[in-house]
């Protein structure tokens, strides 16, 4: 079982940057793929980025390509989401999610992940 804790959210002006962290418990974190999702008020949770268990396979939503970067350090049981060139439409609660996956596997649908963090709020002012 894995427990996830996000941090790093905050209030930032348009064009600014944040580094979101997802810290995981558990000795088998290196066997889990991780995804970042976000949910704005009144909207469904949407995929942002995902990384395979070794970090060798990455995937991004079209809306964040070139602006967001996902990375991980399995020795530190942590996944990061670097968010740059933020826009007001990026405002949402950001969640990390994890689930056991084979080598290279990643998924982009929320129901494919079992473990979720509590979320961290990102607010971008115009």
Protein backbone atom coordinates (compact mmCIF):
# COMPACT_ATOMS: atom_id res chain seq x y z
CA UNK A 1 0.00 0.00 0.00
CA UNK A 2 1.15 3.53 -0.75
CA UNK A 3 0.25 6.80 0.96
CA UNK A 4 0.73 10.01 -0.99
CA UNK A 5 1.14 13.57 0.25
CA UNK A 6 1.22 16.53 -2.13
CA UNK A 7 2.77 19.89 -1.38
CA UNK A 8 4.06 22.97 -3.16
CA UNK A 9 0.84 24.59 -4.29
CA UNK A 10 0.08 28.25 -3.78
CA UNK A 11 -1.00 31.55 -5.28
CA UNK A 12 1.07 32.75 -8.21
CA UNK A 13 0.71 35.36 -10.93
CA UNK A 14 0.23 34.38 -14.54
CA UNK A 15 3.55 33.44 -16.06
CA UNK A 16 4.91 32.23 -12.76
CA UNK A 17 6.15 28.81 -11.69
CA UNK A 18 5.67 26.29 -8.92
CA UNK A 19 7.16 22.93 -8.08
CA UNK A 20 4.64 20.44 -6.81
CA UNK A 21 5.84 17.45 -4.83
CA UNK A 22 4.24 14.08 -4.21
CA UNK A 23 5.89 12.23 -1.35
CA UNK A 24 5.10 8.54 -1.03
CA UNK A 25 5.39 6.05 1.78
CA UNK A 26 6.16 2.41 1.23
CA UNK A 27 9.18 0.42 0.20
CA UNK A 28 7.82 -0.59 -3.22
CA UNK A 29 7.29 2.87 -4.65
CA UNK A 30 9.66 2.07 -7.49
CA UNK A 31 7.08 -0.39 -8.84
CA UNK A 32 4.33 2.24 -9.05
CA UNK A 33 3.49 4.47 -11.97
CA UNK A 34 2.41 7.95 -10.90
CA UNK A 35 0.04 10.42 -12.45
CA UNK A 36 -0.83 14.03 -11.76
CA UNK A 37 -4.42 15.14 -12.19
CA UNK A 38 -6.23 18.39 -11.50
CA UNK A 39 -9.76 19.42 -10.75
CA UNK A 40 -11.18 22.90 -11.04
CA UNK A 41 -14.46 23.90 -9.38
CA UNK A 42 -17.43 22.52 -11.28
CA UNK A 43 -15.25 20.48 -13.62
CA UNK A 44 -14.25 16.86 -13.84
CA UNK A 45 -10.85 15.66 -12.74
CA UNK A 46 -8.50 15.78 -15.70
CA UNK A 47 -5.19 14.20 -16.56
CA UNK A 48 -2.10 16.40 -16.43
CA UNK A 49 1.00 14.20 -16.60
CA UNK A 50 2.19 10.69 -15.84
CA UNK A 51 5.48 8.90 -15.36
CA UNK A 52 6.33 5.21 -15.48
CA UNK A 53 7.81 3.45 -12.50
CA UNK A 54 11.40 3.87 -13.68
CA UNK A 55 10.85 7.36 -15.06
CA UNK A 56 11.68 6.30 -18.57
CA UNK A 57 8.23 6.90 -20.02
CA UNK A 58 6.42 10.22 -19.70
CA UNK A 59 3.10 11.53 -20.94
CA UNK A 60 1.49 14.97 -20.83
CA UNK A 61 -1.89 16.47 -21.55
CA UNK A 62 -1.79 18.65 -24.65
CA UNK A 63 -2.76 21.67 -22.56
CA UNK A 64 0.43 21.49 -20.49
CA UNK A 65 3.02 20.21 -22.97
CA UNK A 66 6.08 22.41 -23.02
CA UNK A 67 5.11 24.08 -19.74
CA UNK A 68 4.96 21.25 -17.20
CA UNK A 69 7.61 18.63 -16.44
CA UNK A 70 7.12 15.46 -14.41
CA UNK A 71 10.05 13.69 -12.79
CA UNK A 72 10.75 11.24 -9.99
CA UNK A 73 13.46 10.01 -7.67
CA UNK A 74 12.66 6.54 -6.40
CA UNK A 75 15.43 6.72 -3.81
CA UNK A 76 13.55 9.64 -2.27
CA UNK A 77 10.06 8.19 -2.89
CA UNK A 78 9.10 11.46 -4.52
CA UNK A 79 7.55 12.63 -7.78
CA UNK A 80 7.65 16.27 -8.81
CA UNK A 81 5.60 18.33 -11.20
CA UNK A 82 7.39 21.50 -12.31
CA UNK A 83 4.76 23.90 -13.57
CA UNK A 84 5.97 26.88 -15.58
CA UNK A 85 4.33 29.67 -17.58
CA UNK A 86 1.20 29.28 -15.50
CA UNK A 87 -2.11 30.53 -16.83
CA UNK A 88 -5.31 31.37 -14.96
CA UNK A 89 -6.91 28.28 -16.51
CA UNK A 90 -4.35 26.14 -14.68
CA UNK A 91 -6.09 27.04 -11.41
CA UNK A 92 -7.22 23.81 -9.76
CA UNK A 93 -6.55 21.34 -6.98
CA UNK A 94 -3.69 19.15 -8.15
CA UNK A 95 -3.63 15.51 -7.10
CA UNK A 96 -1.02 12.82 -7.48
CA UNK A 97 -2.06 9.21 -7.89
CA UNK A 98 -0.18 5.94 -7.97
CA UNK A 99 -0.73 2.32 -8.80
CA UNK A 100 1.35 -0.76 -9.45
CA UNK A 101 2.29 -1.01 -13.10
CA UNK A 102 4.64 -3.00 -15.27
CA UNK A 103 7.83 -1.55 -16.67
CA UNK A 104 7.10 1.38 -18.94
CA UNK A 105 3.36 1.39 -18.33
CA UNK A 106 1.52 4.62 -17.61
CA UNK A 107 -2.16 5.50 -17.64
CA UNK A 108 -4.11 8.70 -18.02
CA UNK A 109 -7.55 7.85 -16.62
CA UNK A 110 -8.28 8.53 -12.94
CA UNK A 111 -10.05 5.20 -12.40
CA UNK A 112 -6.84 3.39 -13.34
CA UNK A 113 -5.18 4.60 -10.14
CA UNK A 114 -5.88 3.17 -6.71
CA UNK A 115 -3.93 5.49 -4.40
CA UNK A 116 -4.50 9.24 -4.19
CA UNK A 117 -3.16 12.14 -2.21
CA UNK A 118 -5.26 14.84 -0.60
CA UNK A 119 -4.42 17.46 -3.23
CA UNK A 120 -2.67 20.81 -3.26
CA UNK A 121 -4.32 24.03 -4.43
CA UNK A 122 -2.78 26.00 -7.29
CA UNK A 123 -4.27 29.41 -7.94
CA UNK A 124 -3.06 31.56 -10.83
CA UNK A 125 -4.06 35.22 -10.87
CA UNK A 126 -4.26 37.21 -14.09
